[in-house]
Protein backbone atom coordinates (compact mmCIF):
# COMPACT_ATOMS: atom_id res chain seq x y z
CA MET A 1 63.46 141.42 146.40
CA PRO A 2 64.60 138.28 148.31
CA ARG A 3 62.20 136.58 150.69
CA ASP A 4 62.52 133.96 153.39
CA ALA A 5 61.66 130.37 152.60
CA GLY A 6 58.29 129.18 153.78
CA PRO A 7 55.49 128.89 154.65
CA TRP A 8 56.34 126.73 157.66
CA GLY A 9 52.99 125.05 158.18
CA ALA A 10 49.90 125.83 160.17
CA GLY A 11 49.87 127.16 163.70
CA GLY A 12 53.15 129.05 163.68
CA GLY A 13 55.49 126.46 162.16
CA LYS A 14 59.22 127.21 162.24
CA PRO A 15 62.29 126.25 160.21
CA TRP A 16 64.71 123.73 161.71
CA ASP A 17 68.33 122.68 161.42
CA ASP A 18 69.28 119.27 162.80
CA GLY A 19 72.99 119.83 162.17
CA VAL A 20 75.38 117.93 159.90
CA PHE A 21 75.36 114.15 159.62
CA SER A 22 77.05 111.80 157.19
CA ALA A 23 73.83 110.03 156.14
CA ILE A 24 70.05 109.97 156.40
CA LYS A 25 68.83 106.44 157.12
CA GLN A 26 65.10 106.93 157.54
CA ILE A 27 62.34 109.53 157.58
CA ARG A 28 59.37 108.97 159.87
CA VAL A 29 56.24 110.66 158.55
CA HIS A 30 53.47 111.08 161.16
CA GLU A 31 50.27 111.02 159.13
CA GLY A 32 46.61 111.68 159.85
CA GLU A 33 43.29 111.49 158.02
CA LEU A 34 43.37 112.27 154.28
CA ASN A 35 47.18 111.75 154.27
CA VAL A 36 47.81 115.01 156.13
CA ILE A 37 51.39 115.17 157.42
CA TYR A 38 51.53 116.22 161.07
CA ALA A 39 55.20 115.74 161.85
CA LEU A 40 58.54 114.51 160.52
CA GLN A 41 61.41 112.86 162.33
CA TYR A 42 64.74 111.84 160.81
CA GLU A 43 67.12 109.04 161.66
CA TYR A 44 70.66 110.13 160.87
CA LEU A 45 73.93 108.22 160.78
CA LYS A 46 76.88 109.86 162.51
CA LYS A 47 80.47 109.53 161.28
CA ASP A 48 81.15 106.93 164.00
CA GLY A 49 78.39 104.73 162.52
CA LYS A 50 75.86 105.28 165.32
CA SER A 51 72.26 106.25 164.57
CA VAL A 52 70.63 109.30 166.10
CA LEU A 53 67.01 110.48 165.90
CA SER A 54 66.22 114.13 165.32
CA LYS A 55 63.73 115.88 167.52
CA LEU A 56 60.16 115.68 166.29
CA HIS A 57 59.37 118.43 163.78
CA GLY A 58 55.67 119.16 164.15
CA ARG A 59 53.02 117.68 166.42
CA THR A 60 51.56 114.21 166.58
CA VAL A 61 48.11 115.24 167.89
CA GLY A 62 45.77 114.03 165.16
CA ALA A 63 48.28 111.66 163.59
CA ASN A 64 47.12 108.07 163.53
CA LYS A 65 49.94 106.28 161.69
CA ILE A 66 53.66 106.54 161.01
CA GLN A 67 55.06 105.88 157.56
CA LEU A 68 58.70 104.77 157.61
CA LEU A 69 60.66 105.83 154.54
CA ASP A 70 64.01 104.09 154.22
CA VAL A 71 66.37 106.54 152.55
CA ASN A 72 69.94 105.32 153.15
CA TRP A 73 71.40 108.48 151.58
CA HIS A 74 75.09 109.10 152.27
CA MET A 75 76.90 112.38 151.91
CA PRO A 76 79.36 112.18 149.01
CA GLU A 77 83.05 112.32 149.88
CA ILE A 78 84.68 115.68 149.21
CA ASN A 79 88.28 115.51 148.01
């Protein structure tokens, strides 16, 4: 029997969809004690070359540092 993906995190987490972008430039990981991840935020590249930040997924209360992960992943061209 099929099930939904999850779990979505503590405190009533929810799935998200930021839309479609041509690339992911960076992931911002909001981290707390013991390397607990509190929130994620993505920097996308639009087709016109401009960067856009996603909304914050999670909460930053308790986070004490932000790890910046440079991804620079581009969507492959579809012919």
